[in-house]
Amino acid sequence: MPRTIRITRSHKLAAAVLVAAGSVTAITATGGQSEAQPTAATSSATAEKAATGASTAKESAAKKAAAENAAKKAAADAAAANKVAADRKAEAKKAAAKERSEKQAANRSTERKAVAAPKKAAPKKYANNLDGWIRESLDIMKKKNIPGSYEGLHRNIMRESSGNPNAVNDWDINARNGIPSKGLLQVIQPTFDAYHVKGTPKKLTDPVANITAAANYAADRYGSIDNVDSAY
């Protein structure tokens, strides 16, 4: 038969203690859950804060990189602008140097031309005697294409007047007709007027004018004064 168990006062007290202890345990367990919930929320907030911090750091890094890129671009633009300005300055300097060089070359060329330009020949001087008169007449005859030589002029002058520019023939037919022969080559006035050479004095007894007119007349009539050996 089953043994009958007698519950005493002591047993009841022990059971009460056990029940109380279980209640406390339950309360403690419940309190632990309540406390656990705030801890999870804190972790979530911390994670959120960390995420926000990471996002902020990322944005800050992006801004910093953008600022650095902007600074680099500004520096590159400034360098490019400085290069353009330097190139323009160099080109302007080169152009100015070229202009100066061309101007100096032009000046030197002008100076060389001025130096190289032949001086105007001084008028040729002739002696005021028979030799000088003949030589001056020969130069004029050459310019006017009138033939004749020094020998031909000198020979006829010595025969006609002996070299006297003021010699006058007052006895021949011309003299009797009122137009005497005069000068170095004894020319009458009408002949002188007809054969006068431009550039010589219009005076019958002028030595150079007389010789040149007579040579011009002899060239027309005899081919050259050199061909005359007697009265002509």
Protein backbone atom coordinates (compact mmCIF):
# COMPACT_ATOMS: atom_id res chain seq x y z
CA MET A 1 0.00 0.00 0.00
CA PRO A 2 1.17 3.41 -0.56
CA ARG A 3 2.67 5.14 2.37
CA THR A 4 0.70 8.05 3.65
CA ILE A 5 2.75 11.21 3.78
CA ARG A 6 1.97 13.61 6.51
CA ILE A 7 2.47 17.27 5.66
CA THR A 8 3.72 19.09 8.57
CA ARG A 9 4.04 22.80 9.36
CA SER A 10 7.67 22.63 8.36
CA HIS A 11 6.78 21.28 5.00
CA LYS A 12 4.38 24.11 4.36
CA LEU A 13 6.92 26.73 5.24
CA ALA A 14 9.42 25.15 2.89
CA ALA A 15 6.95 25.12 0.09
CA ALA A 16 6.11 28.72 0.66
CA VAL A 17 9.78 29.60 0.49
CA LEU A 18 10.10 27.68 -2.75
CA VAL A 19 7.08 29.44 -4.22
CA ALA A 20 8.47 32.80 -3.18
CA ALA A 21 11.76 31.95 -4.67
CA GLY A 22 10.12 30.99 -7.93
CA SER A 23 8.24 34.27 -8.02
CA VAL A 24 11.43 36.21 -7.46
CA THR A 25 13.08 34.24 -10.20
CA ALA A 26 10.24 34.99 -12.51
CA ILE A 27 10.30 38.64 -11.61
CA THR A 28 14.05 38.70 -12.13
CA ALA A 29 13.68 37.02 -15.49
CA THR A 30 11.03 39.50 -16.54
CA GLY A 31 13.18 42.40 -15.39
CA GLY A 32 16.09 41.03 -17.36
CA GLN A 33 14.03 41.11 -20.56
CA SER A 34 12.98 44.70 -19.93
CA GLU A 35 16.57 45.70 -19.43
CA ALA A 36 17.66 43.81 -22.53
CA GLN A 37 15.36 45.85 -24.77
CA PRO A 38 17.07 49.27 -24.03
CA THR A 39 20.46 47.68 -24.78
CA ALA A 40 19.36 46.65 -28.31
CA ALA A 41 18.02 50.15 -28.98
CA THR A 42 21.30 51.62 -27.91
CA SER A 43 23.18 49.35 -30.33
CA SER A 44 20.86 50.39 -33.15
CA ALA A 45 21.40 54.07 -32.37
CA THR A 46 25.12 53.52 -32.24
CA ALA A 47 25.05 51.75 -35.60
CA GLU A 48 22.94 54.53 -37.05
CA LYS A 49 25.29 57.11 -35.65
CA ALA A 50 28.26 55.22 -37.10
CA ALA A 51 26.53 55.04 -40.47
CA THR A 52 25.77 58.74 -40.32
CA GLY A 53 29.39 59.45 -39.40
CA ALA A 54 30.60 57.31 -42.27
CA SER A 55 28.28 59.12 -44.66
CA THR A 56 29.47 62.48 -43.35
CA ALA A 57 33.09 61.40 -43.70
CA LYS A 58 32.40 60.23 -47.23
CA GLU A 59 30.74 63.56 -48.11
CA SER A 60 33.63 65.45 -46.50
CA ALA A 61 36.13 63.39 -48.52
CA ALA A 62 34.13 64.03 -51.68
CA LYS A 63 34.04 67.77 -50.99
CA LYS A 64 37.74 67.77 -50.25
CA ALA A 65 38.45 65.92 -53.49
CA ALA A 66 36.20 68.33 -55.40
CA ALA A 67 37.99 71.28 -53.82
CA GLU A 68 41.36 69.79 -54.71
CA ASN A 69 40.21 69.17 -58.29
CA ALA A 70 38.88 72.73 -58.51
CA ALA A 71 42.19 74.05 -57.17
CA LYS A 72 44.11 71.93 -59.68
CA LYS A 73 41.87 73.14 -62.53
CA ALA A 74 42.29 76.76 -61.41
CA ALA A 75 46.05 76.28 -61.26
CA ALA A 76 46.05 74.65 -64.71
CA ASP A 77 43.90 77.46 -66.13
CA ALA A 78 46.20 80.06 -64.58
CA ALA A 79 49.24 78.27 -65.99
CA ALA A 80 47.60 78.13 -69.43
CA ALA A 81 46.70 81.82 -69.25
CA ASN A 82 50.24 82.68 -68.18
CA LYS A 83 51.61 80.61 -71.07
CA VAL A 84 49.33 82.38 -73.56
CA ALA A 85 50.38 85.75 -72.15
CA ALA A 86 54.05 84.74 -72.27
CA ASP A 87 53.67 83.48 -75.85
CA ARG A 88 51.97 86.72 -76.90
CA LYS A 89 54.67 88.76 -75.18
CA ALA A 90 57.36 86.69 -76.90
CA GLU A 91 55.65 87.12 -80.28
CA ALA A 92 55.31 90.87 -79.72
CA LYS A 93 58.96 91.07 -78.73
CA LYS A 94 59.96 89.03 -81.78
CA ALA A 95 57.84 91.21 -84.07
CA ALA A 96 59.35 94.37 -82.55
CA ALA A 97 62.85 92.96 -82.98
CA LYS A 98 62.07 92.06 -86.61
CA GLU A 99 60.70 95.54 -87.25
CA ARG A 100 63.80 97.13 -85.71
CA SER A 101 66.03 94.84 -87.76
CA GLU A 102 64.19 95.68 -90.99
CA LYS A 103 64.31 99.39 -90.16
CA GLN A 104 68.03 99.21 -89.42
CA ALA A 105 68.60 97.25 -92.63
CA ALA A 106 66.65 99.88 -94.58
CA ASN A 107 68.65 102.64 -92.93
CA ARG A 108 71.91 100.86 -93.72
CA SER A 109 70.77 100.35 -97.29
CA THR A 110 69.92 104.04 -97.58
CA GLU A 111 73.26 104.95 -96.07
CA ARG A 112 75.07 102.63 -98.47
CA LYS A 113 73.22 104.13 -101.40
CA ALA A 114 74.04 107.59 -100.19
CA VAL A 115 77.70 106.61 -99.86
CA ALA A 116 77.74 104.69 -103.12
CA ALA A 117 75.98 107.42 -105.08
CA PRO A 118 78.49 108.92 -107.44
CA LYS A 119 79.30 112.52 -106.84
CA LYS A 120 78.24 114.93 -109.45
CA ALA A 121 81.16 115.44 -111.72
CA ALA A 122 82.62 118.88 -111.39
CA PRO A 123 82.54 120.91 -114.59
CA LYS A 124 85.60 120.19 -116.67
CA LYS A 125 87.98 123.08 -116.81
CA TYR A 126 89.87 124.12 -119.90
CA ALA A 127 92.82 126.40 -120.26
CA ASN A 128 92.07 129.83 -121.69
CA ASN A 129 94.39 129.40 -124.67
CA LEU A 130 94.37 127.78 -128.09
CA ASP A 131 94.91 124.27 -126.68
CA GLY A 132 92.06 124.70 -124.20
CA TRP A 133 89.71 126.15 -126.84
CA ILE A 134 90.35 123.26 -129.22
CA ARG A 135 89.86 120.62 -126.47
CA GLU A 136 86.61 122.20 -125.29
CA SER A 137 85.32 122.36 -128.86
CA LEU A 138 86.23 118.70 -129.42
CA ASP A 139 84.21 117.65 -126.32
CA ILE A 140 81.20 119.59 -127.59
CA MET A 141 81.61 118.15 -131.09
CA LYS A 142 81.72 114.64 -129.63
CA LYS A 143 78.40 115.17 -127.81
CA LYS A 144 76.83 116.57 -131.00
CA ASN A 145 78.33 113.87 -133.26
CA ILE A 146 80.34 116.42 -135.26
CA PRO A 147 83.46 114.77 -136.77
CA GLY A 148 86.91 116.29 -136.43
CA SER A 149 90.26 115.82 -134.72
CA TYR A 150 92.65 117.98 -132.74
CA GLU A 151 95.12 117.89 -135.62
CA GLY A 152 92.53 118.92 -138.21
CA LEU A 153 91.29 121.86 -136.12
CA HIS A 154 94.75 123.06 -135.13
CA ARG A 155 96.09 122.88 -138.68
CA ASN A 156 93.25 124.94 -140.16
CA ILE A 157 93.26 127.45 -137.29
CA MET A 158 96.97 128.17 -137.77
CA ARG A 159 96.44 128.69 -141.52
CA GLU A 160 93.37 130.93 -141.16
CA SER A 161 94.26 133.12 -138.15
CA SER A 162 97.56 132.00 -136.65
CA GLY A 163 95.61 131.30 -133.46
CA ASN A 164 94.26 134.86 -133.00
CA PRO A 165 90.57 134.72 -131.93
CA ASN A 166 90.07 138.39 -132.89
CA ALA A 167 91.55 138.12 -136.40
CA VAL A 168 89.46 139.90 -139.11
CA ASN A 169 89.84 139.65 -142.89
CA ASP A 170 89.09 143.12 -144.29
CA TRP A 171 90.31 142.72 -147.87
CA ASP A 172 88.61 139.65 -149.49
CA ILE A 173 85.28 139.51 -151.32
CA ASN A 174 83.39 138.92 -148.12
CA ALA A 175 84.88 142.05 -146.65
CA ARG A 176 83.99 144.05 -149.74
CA ASN A 177 80.44 142.70 -149.40
CA GLY A 178 80.34 143.92 -145.79
CA ILE A 179 80.50 140.55 -144.11
CA PRO A 180 84.18 140.02 -143.28
CA SER A 181 85.48 136.68 -142.03
CA LYS A 182 86.36 136.69 -138.31
CA GLY A 183 87.81 134.52 -135.56
CA LEU A 184 90.09 131.52 -135.32
CA LEU A 185 88.64 129.76 -138.36
CA GLN A 186 87.60 132.94 -140.24
CA VAL A 187 83.82 132.44 -140.34
CA ILE A 188 81.40 135.01 -141.76
CA GLN A 189 78.31 135.96 -139.74
CA PRO A 190 75.67 134.22 -141.95
CA THR A 191 77.61 130.93 -141.83
CA PHE A 192 78.06 131.25 -138.07
CA ASP A 193 74.35 131.89 -137.57
CA ALA A 194 73.40 128.91 -139.78
CA TYR A 195 75.83 126.43 -138.15
CA HIS A 196 75.95 127.71 -134.59
CA VAL A 197 76.03 124.81 -132.10
CA LYS A 198 73.65 125.04 -129.17
CA GLY A 199 75.44 125.40 -125.86
CA THR A 200 78.13 127.73 -127.13
CA PRO A 201 78.01 131.54 -126.97
CA LYS A 202 76.24 133.29 -129.86
CA LYS A 203 79.24 135.47 -130.52
CA LEU A 204 81.17 135.08 -133.76
CA THR A 205 84.58 135.85 -132.24
CA ASP A 206 84.13 133.59 -129.18
CA PRO A 207 86.94 131.00 -129.64
CA VAL A 208 84.93 127.87 -128.79
CA ALA A 209 81.77 129.02 -130.58
CA ASN A 210 83.82 129.94 -133.69
CA ILE A 211 85.70 126.61 -133.84
CA THR A 212 82.56 124.49 -133.24
CA ALA A 213 80.43 126.34 -135.82
CA ALA A 214 83.23 126.10 -138.42
CA ALA A 215 83.67 122.33 -137.73
CA ASN A 216 79.89 121.87 -138.07
CA TYR A 217 79.91 123.73 -141.41
CA ALA A 218 82.96 121.76 -142.66
CA ALA A 219 81.29 118.44 -141.69
CA ASP A 220 78.19 119.42 -143.66
CA ARG A 221 80.14 120.51 -146.74
CA TYR A 222 83.35 118.41 -146.71
CA GLY A 223 82.56 115.52 -144.37
CA SER A 224 84.98 116.74 -141.68
CA ILE A 225 87.24 119.66 -140.82
CA ASP A 226 90.06 117.13 -141.27
CA ASN A 227 89.34 117.14 -145.00
CA VAL A 228 89.94 120.90 -145.33
CA ASP A 229 93.44 121.98 -146.43
CA SER A 230 92.75 125.42 -147.89
CA ALA A 231 90.18 128.19 -147.95
CA TYR A 232 86.75 126.73 -147.44
